[in-house]
């Protein structure tokens, strides 16, 4: 009888998981969908080029809201149920999308993107918890890998998707199209979502969530570049101090709260997964920035070519994520993560040997190897988290490990802008400005060689970070 009931429920479970996956994909698309639509937005909203730094908040605001919303929304889903909070997240995402489509000025558009982000940021951790609740544990790695692959694919396809829609119907439609799709997802979930397990009565520590969110917001603002430059110390110093103070108050609050946002021992339980994701995020951002930058500058390639080169890596990540889920079932979490880190380290080493004459097939193989390795790490980290925590903690645990990757990317980006500029000045310090102005070939060649050396060092740094990630990855559960 039990087996018969399981067989009748399984199609419904898979239909619900398909709907959840589509929601994650849409939220991931909107992280990057405005990249190609930004010029049209600036023209229609009468934003001059002199306000380009302010216009960048159309992108930055979404990423900040996406990160800050995760921990609180993950905990809320643990208390009030996955379907309710996932549906609420989609409604927020839908409302923000409609407001963005109707925007008549920059402030309106940025606020709408923040509302979008609060809903979009909750989708991935809540979806991970839904997968863990709905499927038996032996199926977690593949399902979580597919979910991670869709999240990566959304980020990859966002610029292309936004460009096509903007050219065909105008930029408001990249937001309007989310409304019917989200309605369809909510309807599918209402029809097919399996009954949620009963949970003990609990409350949400909203003050703790506000303090943690404040800490993440201050950290993100301190580490975010603007106009391609790192922020001055008189700006970042108070923000970093604010992040430290908010986090200290959060820890104090959680020790005293009867029902904390999450138990503080969760940091210890998830230390291996969190540290691995932090380092993977830092290595990833180094490559995401430098591959197109290298193509656009010293290699003299058009911007499209830089994006196409990067897609070789990101598409390989989208393929590696579900493949990592399959390997987890055979070899376990720890071995799969270490394999992924080994492959990415090898790929970054080969990239650090690139010269000005790098061509295919070598270039594509090196990029694909790096991306495949990073993708293989996604499923074992997520599966290790889901198998470590109790059922009632899966939402907040998934949000924490996801946030750590975002923090790693922010830290890596800040280090790239700060250290990279100093290092470039050291490498090219004896090149005179007058020689560059007069077009001295020797000075130009020396400057190009300095830039090439810097890019190679960045790729070596990414390799070193992946090798360093071996240490926390050894702390992942074997199965």
Protein backbone atom coordinates (compact mmCIF):
# COMPACT_ATOMS: atom_id res chain seq x y z
CA UNK A 1 0.00 0.00 0.00
CA UNK A 2 2.79 2.42 0.94
CA UNK A 3 4.63 1.68 -2.31
CA UNK A 4 1.44 2.30 -4.31
CA UNK A 5 0.92 5.65 -2.57
CA UNK A 6 4.55 6.55 -3.26
CA UNK A 7 4.09 5.78 -6.95
CA UNK A 8 0.98 7.97 -7.17
CA UNK A 9 2.68 10.86 -5.40
CA UNK A 10 5.89 10.81 -7.39
CA UNK A 11 4.57 12.45 -10.60
CA UNK A 12 3.02 15.23 -8.50
CA UNK A 13 6.29 15.73 -6.67
CA UNK A 14 8.22 15.98 -9.90
CA UNK A 15 5.69 18.43 -11.37
CA UNK A 16 6.08 20.61 -8.28
CA UNK A 17 9.88 20.40 -8.49
CA UNK A 18 9.74 21.38 -12.17
CA UNK A 19 7.71 24.47 -11.21
CA UNK A 20 10.14 25.31 -8.39
CA UNK A 21 13.08 24.96 -10.78
CA UNK A 22 11.46 27.34 -13.27
CA UNK A 23 11.05 29.90 -10.46
CA UNK A 24 14.74 29.63 -9.58
CA UNK A 25 15.68 29.98 -13.26
CA UNK A 26 13.61 33.17 -13.66
CA UNK A 27 15.14 34.73 -10.54
CA UNK A 28 18.64 33.86 -11.78
CA UNK A 29 17.87 35.35 -15.21
CA UNK A 30 17.01 38.67 -13.60
CA UNK A 31 20.43 38.92 -11.95
CA UNK A 32 21.95 39.66 -15.36
CA UNK A 33 18.98 40.30 -17.68
CA UNK A 34 19.38 44.09 -17.56
CA UNK A 35 23.04 44.03 -18.66
CA UNK A 36 22.21 44.35 -22.35
CA UNK A 37 19.05 46.41 -21.75
CA UNK A 38 20.80 49.08 -19.67
CA UNK A 39 21.51 51.50 -22.59
CA UNK A 40 17.84 51.40 -23.65
CA UNK A 41 16.72 51.96 -20.06
CA UNK A 42 19.03 54.95 -19.68
CA UNK A 43 17.75 56.45 -22.94
CA UNK A 44 14.04 55.97 -22.13
CA UNK A 45 14.40 57.23 -18.54
CA UNK A 46 16.56 60.18 -19.66
CA UNK A 47 19.57 59.12 -17.57
CA UNK A 48 22.69 60.87 -18.93
CA UNK A 49 26.03 59.09 -19.21
CA UNK A 50 27.31 61.34 -16.41
CA UNK A 51 25.00 59.38 -14.08
CA UNK A 52 26.25 55.96 -15.19
CA UNK A 53 27.49 55.18 -11.66
CA UNK A 54 23.98 55.78 -10.34
CA UNK A 55 22.44 53.75 -13.14
CA UNK A 56 24.66 50.81 -12.13
CA UNK A 57 22.41 50.45 -9.07
CA UNK A 58 19.81 48.90 -11.38
CA UNK A 59 22.16 45.89 -11.35
CA UNK A 60 23.86 46.32 -7.97
CA UNK A 61 20.60 46.90 -6.10
CA UNK A 62 19.25 43.56 -7.27
CA UNK A 63 22.38 41.70 -6.21
CA UNK A 64 22.34 43.36 -2.77
CA UNK A 65 18.68 42.63 -2.15
CA UNK A 66 19.14 39.09 -3.48
CA UNK A 67 21.88 38.44 -0.90
CA UNK A 68 20.44 40.25 2.12
CA UNK A 69 16.98 38.61 1.88
CA UNK A 70 18.21 35.01 1.92
CA UNK A 71 18.83 34.21 5.62
CA UNK A 72 15.57 35.67 6.94
CA UNK A 73 13.41 34.20 4.17
CA UNK A 74 15.07 30.82 4.58
CA UNK A 75 14.17 30.78 8.27
CA UNK A 76 10.63 31.99 7.55
CA UNK A 77 10.15 29.01 5.23
CA UNK A 78 11.30 26.67 8.01
CA UNK A 79 8.57 28.05 10.29
CA UNK A 80 5.61 28.82 8.00
CA UNK A 81 6.08 26.20 5.30
CA UNK A 82 7.93 26.00 2.01
CA UNK A 83 4.99 26.46 -0.38
CA UNK A 84 3.64 29.56 1.36
CA UNK A 85 7.01 31.32 1.41
CA UNK A 86 8.00 30.23 -2.10
CA UNK A 87 4.65 31.52 -3.39
CA UNK A 88 5.09 34.75 -1.38
CA UNK A 89 8.58 35.14 -2.85
CA UNK A 90 7.20 34.75 -6.37
CA UNK A 91 4.46 37.31 -5.63
CA UNK A 92 7.11 39.79 -4.43
CA UNK A 93 9.19 39.03 -7.51
CA UNK A 94 6.12 39.49 -9.70
CA UNK A 95 5.16 42.77 -8.02
CA UNK A 96 8.69 44.11 -8.33
CA UNK A 97 8.74 43.10 -12.00
CA UNK A 98 5.50 44.96 -12.70
CA UNK A 99 6.77 48.07 -10.89
CA UNK A 100 10.03 47.90 -12.84
CA UNK A 101 8.17 47.68 -16.14
CA UNK A 102 6.15 50.78 -15.19
CA UNK A 103 9.18 52.77 -13.93
CA UNK A 104 9.38 56.39 -15.08
CA UNK A 105 12.64 57.38 -13.36
CA UNK A 106 15.83 55.87 -11.96
CA UNK A 107 14.80 55.90 -8.29
CA UNK A 108 11.55 54.10 -9.07
CA UNK A 109 13.39 51.47 -11.10
CA UNK A 110 16.03 50.82 -8.41
CA UNK A 111 13.36 50.45 -5.68
CA UNK A 112 11.41 48.07 -7.93
CA UNK A 113 14.56 46.00 -8.51
CA UNK A 114 15.11 45.79 -4.74
CA UNK A 115 11.56 44.44 -4.27
CA UNK A 116 12.22 41.98 -7.09
CA UNK A 117 15.43 40.90 -5.39
CA UNK A 118 13.83 40.19 -2.01
CA UNK A 119 11.53 37.71 -3.74
CA UNK A 120 14.18 36.38 -6.09
CA UNK A 121 16.76 35.95 -3.33
CA UNK A 122 14.47 33.66 -1.40
CA UNK A 123 13.74 31.30 -4.27
CA UNK A 124 17.01 29.34 -4.38
CA UNK A 125 17.40 28.42 -0.66
CA UNK A 126 13.68 27.68 -0.28
CA UNK A 127 13.78 25.59 -3.47
CA UNK A 128 16.74 23.63 -2.09
CA UNK A 129 14.76 22.92 1.07
CA UNK A 130 11.71 21.89 -1.00
CA UNK A 131 13.85 19.42 -2.94
CA UNK A 132 15.24 17.98 0.30
CA UNK A 133 11.74 17.65 1.79
CA UNK A 134 10.05 16.17 -1.29
CA UNK A 135 12.62 13.59 -2.40
CA UNK A 136 14.37 10.73 -0.61
CA UNK A 137 17.92 11.51 0.43
CA UNK A 138 19.52 9.29 -2.21
CA UNK A 139 18.02 11.57 -4.88
CA UNK A 140 19.16 14.83 -3.28
CA UNK A 141 22.53 15.20 -5.08
CA UNK A 142 21.14 14.94 -8.61
CA UNK A 143 18.11 17.15 -7.89
CA UNK A 144 20.22 19.79 -6.12
CA UNK A 145 22.77 19.61 -8.91
CA UNK A 146 20.04 20.23 -11.50
CA UNK A 147 18.79 23.15 -9.42
CA UNK A 148 22.30 24.60 -9.23
CA UNK A 149 22.75 24.07 -12.96
CA UNK A 150 19.56 26.00 -13.69
CA UNK A 151 20.69 28.84 -11.44
CA UNK A 152 24.01 28.99 -13.32
CA UNK A 153 22.28 28.75 -16.70
CA UNK A 154 19.98 31.63 -15.76
CA UNK A 155 22.93 33.88 -15.00
CA UNK A 156 24.61 32.85 -18.26
CA UNK A 157 21.58 33.34 -20.50
CA UNK A 158 20.33 36.53 -18.82
CA UNK A 159 22.19 39.03 -21.05
CA UNK A 160 21.21 37.19 -24.25
CA UNK A 161 17.60 36.79 -23.10
CA UNK A 162 17.38 40.48 -22.14
CA UNK A 163 18.96 41.61 -25.40
CA UNK A 164 16.56 39.60 -27.57
CA UNK A 165 13.43 40.78 -25.72
CA UNK A 166 14.61 44.40 -25.62
CA UNK A 167 15.27 44.42 -29.34
CA UNK A 168 11.96 42.75 -30.17
CA UNK A 169 9.50 44.47 -27.80
CA UNK A 170 11.40 46.96 -25.63
CA UNK A 171 13.02 46.67 -22.20
CA UNK A 172 9.78 46.80 -20.08
CA UNK A 173 8.89 43.37 -21.48
CA UNK A 174 11.87 41.70 -19.80
CA UNK A 175 9.90 42.45 -16.61
CA UNK A 176 6.31 42.06 -17.86
CA UNK A 177 6.99 38.52 -19.05
CA UNK A 178 7.71 37.45 -15.46
CA UNK A 179 4.10 38.13 -14.39
CA UNK A 180 2.25 35.37 -16.32
CA UNK A 181 5.12 32.93 -15.82
CA UNK A 182 5.04 33.43 -12.03
CA UNK A 183 1.25 33.02 -11.98
CA UNK A 184 1.66 29.73 -13.84
CA UNK A 185 4.33 28.54 -11.39
CA UNK A 186 2.16 29.35 -8.36
CA UNK A 187 -0.80 27.54 -9.94
CA UNK A 188 1.31 24.44 -10.59
CA UNK A 189 2.62 24.46 -7.04
CA UNK A 190 -0.90 24.84 -5.60
CA UNK A 191 -1.98 21.83 -7.66
CA UNK A 192 0.98 19.50 -7.29
CA UNK A 193 2.94 20.49 -4.17
CA UNK A 194 3.10 17.51 -1.79
CA UNK A 195 1.57 18.01 1.64
CA UNK A 196 4.07 19.65 3.96
CA UNK A 197 5.14 17.79 7.09
CA UNK A 198 3.73 19.14 10.32
CA UNK A 199 6.12 21.43 12.14
CA UNK A 200 6.25 22.30 15.79
CA UNK A 201 4.95 25.78 16.63
CA UNK A 202 7.79 28.30 16.34
CA UNK A 203 8.42 31.98 15.80
CA UNK A 204 10.83 33.97 13.66
CA UNK A 205 13.41 36.26 15.23
CA UNK A 206 12.84 39.24 12.97
CA UNK A 207 15.16 41.47 15.01
CA UNK A 208 17.93 38.92 14.53
CA UNK A 209 17.15 38.80 10.83
CA UNK A 210 17.30 42.60 10.60
CA UNK A 211 20.70 42.68 12.35
CA UNK A 212 22.12 39.94 10.12
CA UNK A 213 20.70 41.66 7.04
CA UNK A 214 22.19 44.97 8.16
CA UNK A 215 25.58 43.32 8.58
CA UNK A 216 25.43 41.80 5.09
CA UNK A 217 24.24 45.09 3.58
CA UNK A 218 27.09 47.09 5.14
CA UNK A 219 29.62 44.47 4.04
CA UNK A 220 28.24 44.40 0.49
CA UNK A 221 28.27 48.21 0.20
CA UNK A 222 31.82 48.35 1.53
CA UNK A 223 33.09 45.78 -0.96
CA UNK A 224 31.08 46.82 -4.02
CA UNK A 225 32.99 48.71 -6.71
CA UNK A 226 31.48 51.76 -8.34
CA UNK A 227 32.58 53.09 -11.69
CA UNK A 228 35.20 50.33 -11.91
CA UNK A 229 37.07 51.69 -8.87
CA UNK A 230 37.33 50.55 -5.28
CA UNK A 231 35.68 52.87 -2.76
CA UNK A 232 37.97 55.12 -0.66
CA UNK A 233 38.87 54.03 2.87
CA UNK A 234 36.93 56.88 4.49
CA UNK A 235 33.82 55.32 2.89
CA UNK A 236 34.59 51.63 3.38
CA UNK A 237 35.96 52.00 6.94
CA UNK A 238 32.65 53.03 8.60
CA UNK A 239 30.74 50.47 6.54
CA UNK A 240 33.06 47.62 7.60
CA UNK A 241 32.79 48.81 11.20
CA UNK A 242 29.00 48.86 10.83
CA UNK A 243 29.06 45.32 9.44
CA UNK A 244 31.17 44.10 12.39
CA UNK A 245 28.96 45.90 14.94
CA UNK A 246 25.72 44.58 13.41
CA UNK A 247 27.08 41.03 13.33
CA UNK A 248 28.27 41.28 16.97
CA UNK A 249 24.81 42.49 18.02
CA UNK A 250 23.29 39.64 16.00
CA UNK A 251 25.40 37.06 17.86
CA UNK A 252 24.44 38.64 21.20
CA UNK A 253 20.79 38.64 20.22
CA UNK A 254 20.86 34.99 19.12
CA UNK A 255 22.44 33.88 22.41
CA UNK A 256 19.64 35.54 24.38
CA UNK A 257 16.65 34.85 22.12
CA UNK A 258 14.27 32.05 23.14
CA UNK A 259 13.84 31.09 19.51
CA UNK A 260 16.83 32.45 17.54
CA UNK A 261 16.90 32.96 13.79
CA UNK A 262 19.06 29.83 13.77
CA UNK A 263 21.20 28.03 16.32
CA UNK A 264 24.72 29.44 16.34
CA UNK A 265 26.20 25.93 16.33
CA UNK A 266 24.98 25.79 12.73
CA UNK A 267 28.08 27.81 11.83
CA UNK A 268 30.20 24.95 13.16
CA UNK A 269 28.07 22.22 11.58
CA UNK A 270 28.27 23.88 8.16
CA UNK A 271 31.83 25.21 8.45
CA UNK A 272 33.21 22.98 5.70
CA UNK A 273 30.43 23.76 3.21
CA UNK A 274 30.40 27.48 4.01
CA UNK A 275 34.18 27.90 3.69
CA UNK A 276 34.26 25.86 0.47
CA UNK A 277 31.53 27.99 -1.09
CA UNK A 278 33.22 31.20 0.10
CA UNK A 279 36.48 30.26 -1.64
CA UNK A 280 34.75 28.98 -4.78
CA UNK A 281 32.92 32.32 -5.04
CA UNK A 282 36.20 34.24 -4.73
CA UNK A 283 37.89 32.11 -7.42
CA UNK A 284 34.87 32.36 -9.72
CA UNK A 285 34.68 36.17 -9.67
CA UNK A 286 38.38 36.48 -10.56
CA UNK A 287 37.72 34.56 -13.76
CA UNK A 288 34.33 36.11 -14.56
CA UNK A 289 35.94 39.56 -14.55
CA UNK A 290 39.31 38.80 -16.14
CA UNK A 291 38.40 36.53 -19.06
CA UNK A 292 36.36 39.17 -20.94
CA UNK A 293 38.65 41.96 -19.72
CA UNK A 294 41.70 40.21 -21.14
CA UNK A 295 39.94 39.69 -24.48
CA UNK A 296 38.77 43.32 -24.64
CA UNK A 297 42.12 44.90 -23.75
CA UNK A 298 45.44 43.27 -24.60
CA UNK A 299 43.98 40.77 -27.11
CA UNK A 300 42.06 43.50 -28.95
CA UNK A 301 38.88 41.44 -29.33
CA UNK A 302 35.37 42.97 -29.50
CA UNK A 303 33.16 42.87 -26.40
CA UNK A 304 31.03 40.10 -27.91
CA UNK A 305 34.08 37.84 -28.19
CA UNK A 306 34.87 38.40 -24.49
CA UNK A 307 31.34 37.34 -23.58
CA UNK A 308 31.49 34.28 -25.83
CA UNK A 309 34.76 33.21 -24.23
CA UNK A 310 33.21 33.50 -20.80
CA UNK A 311 30.22 31.43 -21.88
CA UNK A 312 32.54 28.48 -22.48
CA UNK A 313 33.25 28.48 -18.74
CA UNK A 314 29.76 29.27 -17.45
CA UNK A 315 28.00 26.75 -19.70
CA UNK A 316 30.45 24.10 -18.52
CA UNK A 317 29.45 25.01 -14.94
CA UNK A 318 25.79 24.48 -15.81
CA UNK A 319 26.68 21.03 -17.20
CA UNK A 320 28.97 20.18 -14.27
CA UNK A 321 26.36 20.87 -11.60
CA UNK A 322 23.98 17.96 -12.42
CA UNK A 323 26.95 15.76 -13.35
CA UNK A 324 28.29 16.39 -9.86
CA UNK A 325 24.97 15.15 -8.48
CA UNK A 326 25.35 11.88 -10.39
CA UNK A 327 28.94 11.45 -9.18
CA UNK A 328 27.87 12.08 -5.58
CA UNK A 329 25.66 9.01 -5.66
CA UNK A 330 28.62 6.90 -6.76
CA UNK A 331 31.58 8.44 -4.95
CA UNK A 332 30.09 10.58 -2.18
CA UNK A 333 30.11 14.31 -1.41
CA UNK A 334 33.71 14.78 -0.35
CA UNK A 335 35.35 12.93 -3.24
CA UNK A 336 33.17 14.71 -5.84
CA UNK A 337 33.96 18.15 -4.40
CA UNK A 338 37.68 17.38 -4.35
CA UNK A 339 37.52 16.17 -7.95
CA UNK A 340 35.81 19.40 -8.97
CA UNK A 341 38.39 21.55 -7.17
CA UNK A 342 41.19 19.55 -8.81
CA UNK A 343 39.78 20.06 -12.30
CA UNK A 344 39.20 23.79 -11.77
CA UNK A 345 42.71 24.20 -10.35
CA UNK A 346 44.16 22.47 -13.41
CA UNK A 347 42.08 24.64 -15.73
CA UNK A 348 43.17 27.85 -14.02
CA UNK A 349 46.81 26.73 -14.18
CA UNK A 350 46.54 26.25 -17.95
CA UNK A 351 44.88 29.69 -18.22
CA UNK A 352 47.79 31.23 -16.31
CA UNK A 353 50.03 30.06 -19.18
CA UNK A 354 48.04 31.92 -21.82
CA UNK A 355 49.91 34.22 -24.16
CA UNK A 356 48.80 36.77 -26.70
CA UNK A 357 48.52 33.97 -29.28
CA UNK A 358 46.04 31.79 -27.31
CA UNK A 359 43.51 30.21 -29.70
CA UNK A 360 41.12 27.28 -29.92
CA UNK A 361 40.92 24.44 -29.20
CA UNK A 362 43.27 25.01 -26.26
CA UNK A 363 41.46 28.10 -24.99
CA UNK A 364 38.03 26.45 -25.01
CA UNK A 365 39.37 23.30 -23.36
CA UNK A 366 40.97 25.29 -20.53
CA UNK A 367 37.82 27.36 -19.94
CA UNK A 368 35.55 24.32 -20.08
CA UNK A 369 37.79 22.38 -17.69
CA UNK A 370 37.69 25.22 -15.16
CA UNK A 371 33.93 25.63 -15.45
CA UNK A 372 33.26 21.90 -15.27
CA UNK A 373 35.32 21.66 -12.08
CA UNK A 374 33.50 24.57 -10.41
CA UNK A 375 30.17 23.07 -11.45
CA UNK A 376 31.03 19.70 -9.93
CA UNK A 377 31.38 21.36 -6.51
CA UNK A 378 27.79 22.68 -6.42
CA UNK A 379 25.89 19.43 -5.74
CA UNK A 380 28.19 17.93 -3.07
CA UNK A 381 28.24 21.17 -1.05
CA UNK A 382 24.43 21.54 -1.20
CA UNK A 383 23.80 17.84 -0.51
CA UNK A 384 26.21 17.84 2.42
CA UNK A 385 24.30 20.75 3.94
CA UNK A 386 20.89 19.14 3.45
CA UNK A 387 22.06 15.86 5.00
CA UNK A 388 23.71 17.60 7.96
CA UNK A 389 20.83 19.69 9.32
CA UNK A 390 17.42 18.75 10.65
CA UNK A 391 14.37 19.04 8.42
CA UNK A 392 13.19 22.21 10.17
CA UNK A 393 16.52 23.95 9.49
CA UNK A 394 16.93 23.26 5.80
CA UNK A 395 15.69 26.65 4.60
CA UNK A 396 18.02 28.75 6.73
CA UNK A 397 20.95 26.37 6.19
CA UNK A 398 20.55 26.56 2.41
CA UNK A 399 20.41 30.35 2.60
CA UNK A 400 23.58 30.58 4.69
CA UNK A 401 25.69 28.46 2.36
CA UNK A 402 24.37 30.39 -0.66
CA UNK A 403 25.13 33.74 0.99
CA UNK A 404 28.70 32.61 1.67
CA UNK A 405 29.31 32.18 -2.06
CA UNK A 406 27.98 35.69 -2.71
CA UNK A 407 30.21 37.09 0.04
CA UNK A 408 33.18 35.26 -1.48
CA UNK A 409 32.46 36.91 -4.82
CA UNK A 410 32.25 40.35 -3.21
CA UNK A 411 35.50 39.84 -1.30
CA UNK A 412 37.23 38.54 -4.43
CA UNK A 413 36.02 41.53 -6.45
CA UNK A 414 37.26 43.99 -3.81
CA UNK A 415 40.65 42.28 -3.67
CA UNK A 416 40.85 42.27 -7.46
CA UNK A 417 40.32 46.03 -7.72
CA UNK A 418 42.60 46.94 -4.78
CA UNK A 419 45.54 44.56 -5.27
CA UNK A 420 45.29 44.48 -9.06
CA UNK A 421 45.79 48.22 -9.49
CA UNK A 422 48.79 48.29 -7.14
CA UNK A 423 50.33 45.27 -8.85
CA UNK A 424 49.83 46.73 -12.33
CA UNK A 425 51.53 49.97 -11.31
CA UNK A 426 54.45 47.91 -10.00
CA UNK A 427 54.75 45.91 -13.23
CA UNK A 428 54.46 48.96 -15.48
CA UNK A 429 56.02 51.55 -13.19
CA UNK A 430 58.90 52.55 -15.49
CA UNK A 431 56.70 53.21 -18.54
CA UNK A 432 56.57 56.98 -19.01
CA UNK A 433 53.34 58.77 -19.84
CA UNK A 434 55.06 60.80 -22.57
CA UNK A 435 56.15 57.61 -24.32
CA UNK A 436 52.58 56.35 -24.36
CA UNK A 437 51.26 59.68 -25.66
CA UNK A 438 53.73 59.68 -28.52
CA UNK A 439 52.87 56.07 -29.36
CA UNK A 440 56.28 54.61 -28.62
CA UNK A 441 56.04 50.93 -29.73
CA UNK A 442 58.45 49.79 -27.03
CA UNK A 443 56.38 51.47 -24.30
CA UNK A 444 53.18 49.98 -25.71
CA UNK A 445 54.74 46.51 -25.80
CA UNK A 446 55.99 46.90 -22.23
CA UNK A 447 52.54 47.97 -21.05
CA UNK A 448 50.93 45.00 -22.83
CA UNK A 449 53.45 42.62 -21.24
CA UNK A 450 52.69 44.08 -17.80
CA UNK A 451 48.94 43.58 -18.32
CA UNK A 452 49.50 40.01 -19.56
CA UNK A 453 51.58 39.24 -16.46
CA UNK A 454 48.79 40.62 -14.28
CA UNK A 455 46.11 38.48 -15.92
CA UNK A 456 48.31 35.42 -15.52
CA UNK A 457 48.74 36.21 -11.83
CA UNK A 458 44.97 36.54 -11.40
CA UNK A 459 44.45 33.09 -12.91
CA UNK A 460 47.18 31.69 -10.67
CA UNK A 461 45.43 33.30 -7.70
CA UNK A 462 42.18 31.55 -8.71
CA UNK A 463 44.09 28.26 -8.86
CA UNK A 464 45.59 28.89 -5.40
CA UNK A 465 42.14 29.66 -3.96
CA UNK A 466 40.73 26.40 -5.36
CA UNK A 467 43.66 24.48 -3.87
CA UNK A 468 43.05 26.22 -0.55
CA UNK A 469 39.41 25.10 -0.74
CA UNK A 470 40.67 21.50 -0.44
CA UNK A 471 41.02 22.07 3.33
CA UNK A 472 37.37 22.89 4.12
CA UNK A 473 36.15 20.43 1.45
CA UNK A 474 37.81 17.66 3.44
CA UNK A 475 35.30 18.51 6.18
CA UNK A 476 32.30 17.66 3.98
CA UNK A 477 30.43 14.49 4.80
CA UNK A 478 31.46 11.49 2.75
CA UNK A 479 27.86 10.52 1.98
